[in-house]
Amino acid sequence: MFYYVYILQSQKDESLYIGYTSDLMKRFQSHNAGENAATKPFRPYRLIFYEAFLNRIDAKNREEYLKSGYGGRTIRGMLKKYFEGT
């Protein structure tokens, strides 16, 4: 089983949401269906990035890192060309 860390971008205000899950497509659909209170006001979303991990703890640690200040810089660096095009 894989665990995924993902980044969604709101098509409403371009804000980012970072999360992790074991079922990426189901989780993405639940965000866009408004089943998550934190993301409901900013739908619809597009999936702009994901990483797969074999271990849940590794995925959780990566999610926490990406939500940190250093993680924000990492995201901007990883997705520099994407953000330049939006």
PDB file of N, CA and C in Angstrom:
ATOM      1  N   MET A   1       0.848  -1.186   0.000  1.00  0.00           N
ATOM      2  CA  MET A   1       0.000   0.000   0.000  1.00  0.00           C
ATOM      3  C   MET A   1       0.886   1.239   0.000  1.00  0.00           C
ATOM      4  N   PHE A   2       0.451   2.220  -0.749  1.00  0.00           N
ATOM      5  CA  PHE A   2       1.156   3.500  -0.786  1.00  0.00           C
ATOM      6  C   PHE A   2       0.395   4.537   0.031  1.00  0.00           C
ATOM      7  N   TYR A   3       1.137   5.513   0.516  1.00  0.00           N
ATOM      8  CA  TYR A   3       0.580   6.688   1.179  1.00  0.00           C
ATOM      9  C   TYR A   3       1.034   7.888   0.372  1.00  0.00           C
ATOM     10  N   TYR A   4       0.133   8.809   0.155  1.00  0.00           N
ATOM     11  CA  TYR A   4       0.399   9.937  -0.723  1.00  0.00           C
ATOM     12  C   TYR A   4       0.351  11.253   0.044  1.00  0.00           C
ATOM     13  N   VAL A   5       1.325  12.094  -0.227  1.00  0.00           N
ATOM     14  CA  VAL A   5       1.291  13.488   0.206  1.00  0.00           C
ATOM     15  C   VAL A   5       0.901  14.270  -1.034  1.00  0.00           C
ATOM     16  N   TYR A   6      -0.052  15.162  -0.891  1.00  0.00           N
ATOM     17  CA  TYR A   6      -0.568  15.852  -2.069  1.00  0.00           C
ATOM     18  C   TYR A   6      -0.721  17.343  -1.794  1.00  0.00           C
ATOM     19  N   ILE A   7      -0.697  18.090  -2.879  1.00  0.00           N
ATOM     20  CA  ILE A   7      -0.942  19.530  -2.819  1.00  0.00           C
ATOM     21  C   ILE A   7      -2.075  19.843  -3.780  1.00  0.00           C
ATOM     22  N   LEU A   8      -3.088  20.488  -3.247  1.00  0.00           N
ATOM     23  CA  LEU A   8      -4.212  20.945  -4.051  1.00  0.00           C
ATOM     24  C   LEU A   8      -4.127  22.459  -4.168  1.00  0.00           C
ATOM     25  N   GLN A   9      -4.583  22.976  -5.289  1.00  0.00           N
ATOM     26  CA  GLN A   9      -4.678  24.426  -5.458  1.00  0.00           C
ATOM     27  C   GLN A   9      -6.120  24.788  -5.737  1.00  0.00           C
ATOM     28  N   SER A  10      -6.618  25.729  -4.961  1.00  0.00           N
ATOM     29  CA  SER A  10      -7.983  26.208  -5.151  1.00  0.00           C
ATOM     30  C   SER A  10      -8.083  26.948  -6.475  1.00  0.00           C
ATOM     31  N   GLN A  11      -9.089  26.621  -7.244  1.00  0.00           N
ATOM     32  CA  GLN A  11      -9.332  27.356  -8.486  1.00  0.00           C
ATOM     33  C   GLN A  11     -10.095  28.641  -8.201  1.00  0.00           C
ATOM     34  N   LYS A  12     -10.564  28.781  -6.962  1.00  0.00           N
ATOM     35  CA  LYS A  12     -11.303  29.982  -6.565  1.00  0.00           C
ATOM     36  C   LYS A  12     -10.355  31.114  -6.194  1.00  0.00           C
ATOM     37  N   ASP A  13      -9.350  30.810  -5.337  1.00  0.00           N
ATOM     38  CA  ASP A  13      -8.441  31.869  -4.890  1.00  0.00           C
ATOM     39  C   ASP A  13      -6.961  31.501  -4.974  1.00  0.00           C
ATOM     40  N   GLU A  14      -6.648  30.361  -5.598  1.00  0.00           N
ATOM     41  CA  GLU A  14      -5.284  29.878  -5.801  1.00  0.00           C
ATOM     42  C   GLU A  14      -4.552  29.497  -4.517  1.00  0.00           C
ATOM     43  N   SER A  15      -5.256  29.405  -3.389  1.00  0.00           N
ATOM     44  CA  SER A  15      -4.624  28.957  -2.154  1.00  0.00           C
ATOM     45  C   SER A  15      -4.256  27.485  -2.270  1.00  0.00           C
ATOM     46  N   LEU A  16      -3.305  27.062  -1.430  1.00  0.00           N
ATOM     47  CA  LEU A  16      -2.845  25.678  -1.456  1.00  0.00           C
ATOM     48  C   LEU A  16      -3.341  24.929  -0.233  1.00  0.00           C
ATOM     49  N   TYR A  17      -3.585  23.642  -0.412  1.00  0.00           N
ATOM     50  CA  TYR A  17      -3.925  22.748   0.689  1.00  0.00           C
ATOM     51  C   TYR A  17      -3.012  21.533   0.579  1.00  0.00           C
ATOM     52  N   ILE A  18      -2.391  21.154   1.696  1.00  0.00           N
ATOM     53  CA  ILE A  18      -1.473  20.019   1.742  1.00  0.00           C
ATOM     54  C   ILE A  18      -2.071  18.963   2.648  1.00  0.00           C
ATOM     55  N   GLY A  19      -2.050  17.726   2.200  1.00  0.00           N
ATOM     56  CA  GLY A  19      -2.572  16.639   3.012  1.00  0.00           C
ATOM     57  C   GLY A  19      -1.889  15.331   2.683  1.00  0.00           C
ATOM     58  N   TYR A  20      -2.303  14.267   3.387  1.00  0.00           N
ATOM     59  CA  TYR A  20      -1.807  12.934   3.048  1.00  0.00           C
ATOM     60  C   TYR A  20      -2.941  11.931   3.194  1.00  0.00           C
ATOM     61  N   THR A  21      -2.848  10.832   2.444  1.00  0.00           N
ATOM     62  CA  THR A  21      -3.911   9.836   2.393  1.00  0.00           C
ATOM     63  C   THR A  21      -3.375   8.536   1.829  1.00  0.00           C
ATOM     64  N   SER A  22      -4.141   7.473   2.003  1.00  0.00           N
ATOM     65  CA  SER A  22      -3.791   6.199   1.363  1.00  0.00           C
ATOM     66  C   SER A  22      -4.601   5.989   0.080  1.00  0.00           C
ATOM     67  N   ASP A  23      -5.590   6.835  -0.175  1.00  0.00           N
ATOM     68  CA  ASP A  23      -6.407   6.732  -1.393  1.00  0.00           C
ATOM     69  C   ASP A  23      -6.518   8.122  -2.015  1.00  0.00           C
ATOM     70  N   LEU A  24      -5.581   8.418  -2.875  1.00  0.00           N
ATOM     71  CA  LEU A  24      -5.449   9.773  -3.411  1.00  0.00           C
ATOM     72  C   LEU A  24      -6.681  10.229  -4.190  1.00  0.00           C
ATOM     73  N   MET A  25      -7.175   9.417  -5.092  1.00  0.00           N
ATOM     74  CA  MET A  25      -8.301   9.855  -5.917  1.00  0.00           C
ATOM     75  C   MET A  25      -9.581  10.027  -5.092  1.00  0.00           C
ATOM     76  N   LYS A  26      -9.809   9.125  -4.151  1.00  0.00           N
ATOM     77  CA  LYS A  26     -10.990   9.254  -3.288  1.00  0.00           C
ATOM     78  C   LYS A  26     -10.906  10.533  -2.453  1.00  0.00           C
ATOM     79  N   ARG A  27      -9.717  10.823  -1.930  1.00  0.00           N
ATOM     80  CA  ARG A  27      -9.532  12.021  -1.113  1.00  0.00           C
ATOM     81  C   ARG A  27      -9.711  13.288  -1.951  1.00  0.00           C
ATOM     82  N   PHE A  28      -9.166  13.286  -3.155  1.00  0.00           N
ATOM     83  CA  PHE A  28      -9.314  14.427  -4.051  1.00  0.00           C
ATOM     84  C   PHE A  28     -10.790  14.678  -4.354  1.00  0.00           C
ATOM     85  N   GLN A  29     -11.524  13.626  -4.644  1.00  0.00           N
ATOM     86  CA  GLN A  29     -12.950  13.755  -4.924  1.00  0.00           C
ATOM     87  C   GLN A  29     -13.712  14.260  -3.705  1.00  0.00           C
ATOM     88  N   SER A  30     -13.329  13.820  -2.502  1.00  0.00           N
ATOM     89  CA  SER A  30     -14.034  14.279  -1.302  1.00  0.00           C
ATOM     90  C   SER A  30     -13.782  15.765  -1.046  1.00  0.00           C
ATOM     91  N   HIS A  31     -12.573  16.247  -1.354  1.00  0.00           N
ATOM     92  CA  HIS A  31     -12.302  17.688  -1.228  1.00  0.00           C
ATOM     93  C   HIS A  31     -13.204  18.463  -2.180  1.00  0.00           C
ATOM     94  N   ASN A  32     -13.291  18.029  -3.417  1.00  0.00           N
ATOM     95  CA  ASN A  32     -14.099  18.749  -4.407  1.00  0.00           C
ATOM     96  C   ASN A  32     -15.595  18.599  -4.173  1.00  0.00           C
ATOM     97  N   ALA A  33     -15.992  17.569  -3.432  1.00  0.00           N
ATOM     98  CA  ALA A  33     -17.412  17.387  -3.112  1.00  0.00           C
ATOM     99  C   ALA A  33     -17.822  18.194  -1.885  1.00  0.00           C
ATOM    100  N   GLY A  34     -16.865  18.845  -1.235  1.00  0.00           N
ATOM    101  CA  GLY A  34     -17.169  19.666  -0.069  1.00  0.00           C
ATOM    102  C   GLY A  34     -17.303  18.880   1.217  1.00  0.00           C
ATOM    103  N   GLU A  35     -16.718  17.695   1.285  1.00  0.00           N
ATOM    104  CA  GLU A  35     -16.825  16.851   2.471  1.00  0.00           C
ATOM    105  C   GLU A  35     -15.806  17.196   3.560  1.00  0.00           C
ATOM    106  N   ASN A  36     -14.923  18.141   3.296  1.00  0.00           N
ATOM    107  CA  ASN A  36     -13.918  18.562   4.261  1.00  0.00           C
ATOM    108  C   ASN A  36     -14.192  20.026   4.605  1.00  0.00           C
ATOM    109  N   ALA A  37     -14.459  20.290   5.882  1.00  0.00           N
ATOM    110  CA  ALA A  37     -14.819  21.655   6.299  1.00  0.00           C
ATOM    111  C   ALA A  37     -13.721  22.672   6.006  1.00  0.00           C
ATOM    112  N   ALA A  38     -12.457  22.249   6.106  1.00  0.00           N
ATOM    113  CA  ALA A  38     -11.347  23.184   5.893  1.00  0.00           C
ATOM    114  C   ALA A  38     -11.217  23.605   4.437  1.00  0.00           C
ATOM    115  N   THR A  39     -11.603  22.747   3.517  1.00  0.00           N
ATOM    116  CA  THR A  39     -11.421  23.066   2.104  1.00  0.00           C
ATOM    117  C   THR A  39     -12.713  23.428   1.378  1.00  0.00           C
ATOM    118  N   LYS A  40     -13.842  23.169   1.983  1.00  0.00           N
ATOM    119  CA  LYS A  40     -15.133  23.379   1.316  1.00  0.00           C
ATOM    120  C   LYS A  40     -15.312  24.789   0.741  1.00  0.00           C
ATOM    121  N   PRO A  41     -14.968  25.853   1.482  1.00  0.00           N
ATOM    122  CA  PRO A  41     -15.219  27.200   0.938  1.00  0.00           C
ATOM    123  C   PRO A  41     -14.369  27.577  -0.281  1.00  0.00           C
ATOM    124  N   PHE A  42     -13.326  26.814  -0.549  1.00  0.00           N
ATOM    125  CA  PHE A  42     -12.376  27.208  -1.592  1.00  0.00           C
ATOM    126  C   PHE A  42     -12.418  26.298  -2.822  1.00  0.00           C
ATOM    127  N   ARG A  43     -13.430  25.440  -2.928  1.00  0.00           N
ATOM    128  CA  ARG A  43     -13.548  24.544  -4.067  1.00  0.00           C
ATOM    129  C   ARG A  43     -13.920  25.324  -5.311  1.00  0.00           C
ATOM    130  N   PRO A  44     -13.657  24.769  -6.461  1.00  0.00           N
ATOM    131  CA  PRO A  44     -13.050  23.475  -6.764  1.00  0.00           C
ATOM    132  C   PRO A  44     -11.523  23.532  -6.674  1.00  0.00           C
ATOM    133  N   TYR A  45     -10.946  22.349  -6.600  1.00  0.00           N
ATOM    134  CA  TYR A  45      -9.496  22.202  -6.498  1.00  0.00           C
ATOM    135  C   TYR A  45      -8.948  21.472  -7.700  1.00  0.00           C
ATOM    136  N   ARG A  46      -7.668  21.728  -7.939  1.00  0.00           N
ATOM    137  CA  ARG A  46      -6.933  20.897  -8.900  1.00  0.00           C
ATOM    138  C   ARG A  46      -5.751  20.293  -8.141  1.00  0.00           C
ATOM    139  N   LEU A  47      -5.439  19.070  -8.480  1.00  0.00           N
ATOM    140  CA  LEU A  47      -4.289  18.379  -7.900  1.00  0.00           C
ATOM    141  C   LEU A  47      -3.061  18.835  -8.666  1.00  0.00           C
ATOM    142  N   ILE A  48      -2.116  19.482  -7.968  1.00  0.00           N
ATOM    143  CA  ILE A  48      -0.944  20.005  -8.677  1.00  0.00           C
ATOM    144  C   ILE A  48       0.329  19.239  -8.365  1.00  0.00           C
ATOM    145  N   PHE A  49       0.314  18.393  -7.307  1.00  0.00           N
ATOM    146  CA  PHE A  49       1.531  17.672  -6.942  1.00  0.00           C
ATOM    147  C   PHE A  49       1.174  16.536  -6.000  1.00  0.00           C
ATOM    148  N   TYR A  50       1.901  15.421  -6.141  1.00  0.00           N
ATOM    149  CA  TYR A  50       1.805  14.358  -5.138  1.00  0.00           C
ATOM    150  C   TYR A  50       3.088  13.544  -5.117  1.00  0.00           C
ATOM    151  N   GLU A  51       3.345  12.929  -3.976  1.00  0.00           N
ATOM    152  CA  GLU A  51       4.464  12.022  -3.778  1.00  0.00           C
ATOM    153  C   GLU A  51       3.917  10.760  -3.134  1.00  0.00           C
ATOM    154  N   ALA A  52       4.508   9.613  -3.446  1.00  0.00           N
ATOM    155  CA  ALA A  52       4.078   8.337  -2.876  1.00  0.00           C
ATOM    156  C   ALA A  52       5.137   7.824  -1.903  1.00  0.00           C
ATOM    157  N   PHE A  53       4.667   7.259  -0.796  1.00  0.00           N
ATOM    158  CA  PHE A  53       5.530   6.686   0.237  1.00  0.00           C
ATOM    159  C   PHE A  53       5.046   5.283   0.577  1.00  0.00           C
ATOM    160  N   LEU A  54       5.962   4.422   0.969  1.00  0.00           N
ATOM    161  CA  LEU A  54       5.605   3.069   1.377  1.00  0.00           C
ATOM    162  C   LEU A  54       5.211   3.005   2.845  1.00  0.00           C
ATOM    163  N   ASN A  55       5.520   4.051   3.594  1.00  0.00           N
ATOM    164  CA  ASN A  55       5.291   4.056   5.035  1.00  0.00           C
ATOM    165  C   ASN A  55       4.434   5.258   5.423  1.00  0.00           C
ATOM    166  N   ARG A  56       3.396   5.041   6.222  1.00  0.00           N
ATOM    167  CA  ARG A  56       2.493   6.116   6.635  1.00  0.00           C
ATOM    168  C   ARG A  56       3.226   7.201   7.417  1.00  0.00           C
ATOM    169  N   ILE A  57       4.123   6.800   8.299  1.00  0.00           N
ATOM    170  CA  ILE A  57       4.854   7.780   9.117  1.00  0.00           C
ATOM    171  C   ILE A  57       5.712   8.686   8.236  1.00  0.00           C
ATOM    172  N   ASP A  58       6.356   8.124   7.223  1.00  0.00           N
ATOM    173  CA  ASP A  58       7.149   8.948   6.302  1.00  0.00           C
ATOM    174  C   ASP A  58       6.266   9.961   5.577  1.00  0.00           C
ATOM    175  N   ALA A  59       5.090   9.533   5.155  1.00  0.00           N
ATOM    176  CA  ALA A  59       4.169  10.451   4.475  1.00  0.00           C
ATOM    177  C   ALA A  59       3.711  11.551   5.421  1.00  0.00           C
ATOM    178  N   LYS A  60       3.366  11.198   6.647  1.00  0.00           N
ATOM    179  CA  LYS A  60       2.920  12.180   7.635  1.00  0.00           C
ATOM    180  C   LYS A  60       4.033  13.190   7.929  1.00  0.00           C
ATOM    181  N   ASN A  61       5.259  12.703   8.072  1.00  0.00           N
ATOM    182  CA  ASN A  61       6.388  13.605   8.324  1.00  0.00           C
ATOM    183  C   ASN A  61       6.608  14.559   7.154  1.00  0.00           C
ATOM    184  N   ARG A  62       6.463  14.059   5.934  1.00  0.00           N
ATOM    185  CA  ARG A  62       6.629  14.916   4.759  1.00  0.00           C
ATOM    186  C   ARG A  62       5.525  15.969   4.704  1.00  0.00           C
ATOM    187  N   GLU A  63       4.296  15.556   5.016  1.00  0.00           N
ATOM    188  CA  GLU A  63       3.185  16.515   5.051  1.00  0.00           C
ATOM    189  C   GLU A  63       3.481  17.629   6.052  1.00  0.00           C
ATOM    190  N   GLU A  64       3.912  17.261   7.253  1.00  0.00           N
ATOM    191  CA  GLU A  64       4.221  18.261   8.280  1.00  0.00           C
ATOM    192  C   GLU A  64       5.338  19.188   7.828  1.00  0.00           C
ATOM    193  N   TYR A  65       6.359  18.629   7.176  1.00  0.00           N
ATOM    194  CA  TYR A  65       7.446  19.462   6.669  1.00  0.00           C
ATOM    195  C   TYR A  65       6.932  20.453   5.627  1.00  0.00           C
ATOM    196  N   LEU A  66       6.135  19.967   4.678  1.00  0.00           N
ATOM    197  CA  LEU A  66       5.644  20.862   3.624  1.00  0.00           C
ATOM    198  C   LEU A  66       4.742  21.955   4.175  1.00  0.00           C
ATOM    199  N   LYS A  67       4.117  21.724   5.306  1.00  0.00           N
ATOM    200  CA  LYS A  67       3.274  22.748   5.938  1.00  0.00           C
ATOM    201  C   LYS A  67       4.090  23.755   6.745  1.00  0.00           C
ATOM    202  N   SER A  68       5.376  23.487   6.933  1.00  0.00           N
ATOM    203  CA  SER A  68       6.243  24.386   7.702  1.00  0.00           C
ATOM    204  C   SER A  68       6.756  25.519   6.812  1.00  0.00           C
ATOM    205  N   GLY A  69       7.450  26.454   7.425  1.00  0.00           N
ATOM    206  CA  GLY A  69       8.042  27.562   6.674  1.00  0.00           C
ATOM    207  C   GLY A  69       9.057  27.087   5.651  1.00  0.00           C
ATOM    208  N   TYR A  70       9.919  26.171   6.048  1.00  0.00           N
ATOM    209  CA  TYR A  70      10.896  25.625   5.110  1.00  0.00           C
ATOM    210  C   TYR A  70      10.187  24.859   3.994  1.00  0.00           C
ATOM    211  N   GLY A  71       9.125  24.176   4.349  1.00  0.00           N
ATOM    212  CA  GLY A  71       8.357  23.423   3.358  1.00  0.00           C
ATOM    213  C   GLY A  71       7.735  24.320   2.309  1.00  0.00           C
ATOM    214  N   GLY A  72       7.285  25.490   2.726  1.00  0.00           N
ATOM    215  CA  GLY A  72       6.725  26.447   1.773  1.00  0.00           C
ATOM    216  C   GLY A  72       7.755  26.860   0.736  1.00  0.00           C
ATOM    217  N   ARG A  73       8.974  27.051   1.185  1.00  0.00           N
ATOM    218  CA  ARG A  73      10.054  27.381   0.244  1.00  0.00           C
ATOM    219  C   ARG A  73      10.343  26.201  -0.676  1.00  0.00           C
ATOM    220  N   THR A  74      10.298  24.997  -0.115  1.00  0.00           N
ATOM    221  CA  THR A  74      10.515  23.793  -0.920  1.00  0.00           C
ATOM    222  C   THR A  74       9.447  23.687  -2.001  1.00  0.00           C
ATOM    223  N   ILE A  75       8.198  23.918  -1.634  1.00  0.00           N
ATOM    224  CA  ILE A  75       7.097  23.854  -2.602  1.00  0.00           C
ATOM    225  C   ILE A  75       7.308  24.868  -3.715  1.00  0.00           C
ATOM    226  N   ARG A  76       7.635  26.089  -3.348  1.00  0.00           N
ATOM    227  CA  ARG A  76       7.860  27.121  -4.374  1.00  0.00           C
ATOM    228  C   ARG A  76       9.004  26.731  -5.299  1.00  0.00           C
ATOM    229  N   GLY A  77      10.048  26.103  -4.761  1.00  0.00           N
ATOM    230  CA  GLY A  77      11.167  25.660  -5.593  1.00  0.00           C
ATOM    231  C   GLY A  77      10.799  24.496  -6.489  1.00  0.00           C
ATOM    232  N   MET A  78      10.087  23.507  -5.940  1.00  0.00           N
ATOM    233  CA  MET A  78       9.704  22.322  -6.720  1.00  0.00           C
ATOM    234  C   MET A  78       8.757  22.682  -7.851  1.00  0.00           C
ATOM    235  N   LEU A  79       7.863  23.606  -7.592  1.00  0.00           N
ATOM    236  CA  LEU A  79       6.810  23.927  -8.548  1.00  0.00           C
ATOM    237  C   LEU A  79       6.994  25.312  -9.177  1.00  0.00           C
ATOM    238  N   LYS A  80       8.228  25.759  -9.232  1.00  0.00           N
ATOM    239  CA  LYS A  80       8.525  27.098  -9.738  1.00  0.00           C
ATOM    240  C   LYS A  80       7.940  27.333 -11.130  1.00  0.00           C
ATOM    241  N   LYS A  81       8.152  26.410 -12.040  1.00  0.00           N
ATOM    242  CA  LYS A  81       7.647  26.588 -13.413  1.00  0.00           C
ATOM    243  C   LYS A  81       6.121  26.573 -13.440  1.00  0.00           C
ATOM    244  N   TYR A  82       5.509  25.734 -12.590  1.00  0.00           N
ATOM    245  CA  TYR A  82       4.049  25.701 -12.529  1.00  0.00           C
ATOM    246  C   TYR A  82       3.510  27.062 -12.082  1.00  0.00           C
ATOM    247  N   PHE A  83       4.088  27.621 -10.995  1.00  0.00           N
ATOM    248  CA  PHE A  83       3.597  28.889 -10.474  1.00  0.00           C
ATOM    249  C   PHE A  83       3.871  30.047 -11.433  1.00  0.00           C
ATOM    250  N   GLU A  84       4.938  29.976 -12.193  1.00  0.00           N
ATOM    251  CA  GLU A  84       5.221  31.018 -13.178  1.00  0.00           C
ATOM    252  C   GLU A  84       4.183  31.025 -14.288  1.00  0.00           C
ATOM    253  N   GLY A  85       3.599  29.845 -14.561  1.00  0.00           N
ATOM    254  CA  GLY A  85       2.620  29.731 -15.635  1.00  0.00           C
ATOM    255  C   GLY A  85       1.205  30.053 -15.220  1.00  0.00           C
ATOM    256  N   THR A  86       0.935  30.161 -13.888  1.00  0.00           N
ATOM    257  CA  THR A  86      -0.434  30.432 -13.437  1.00  0.00           C
ATOM    258  C   THR A  86      -0.659  31.894 -13.207  1.00  0.00           C
TER     259      THR A  86
END
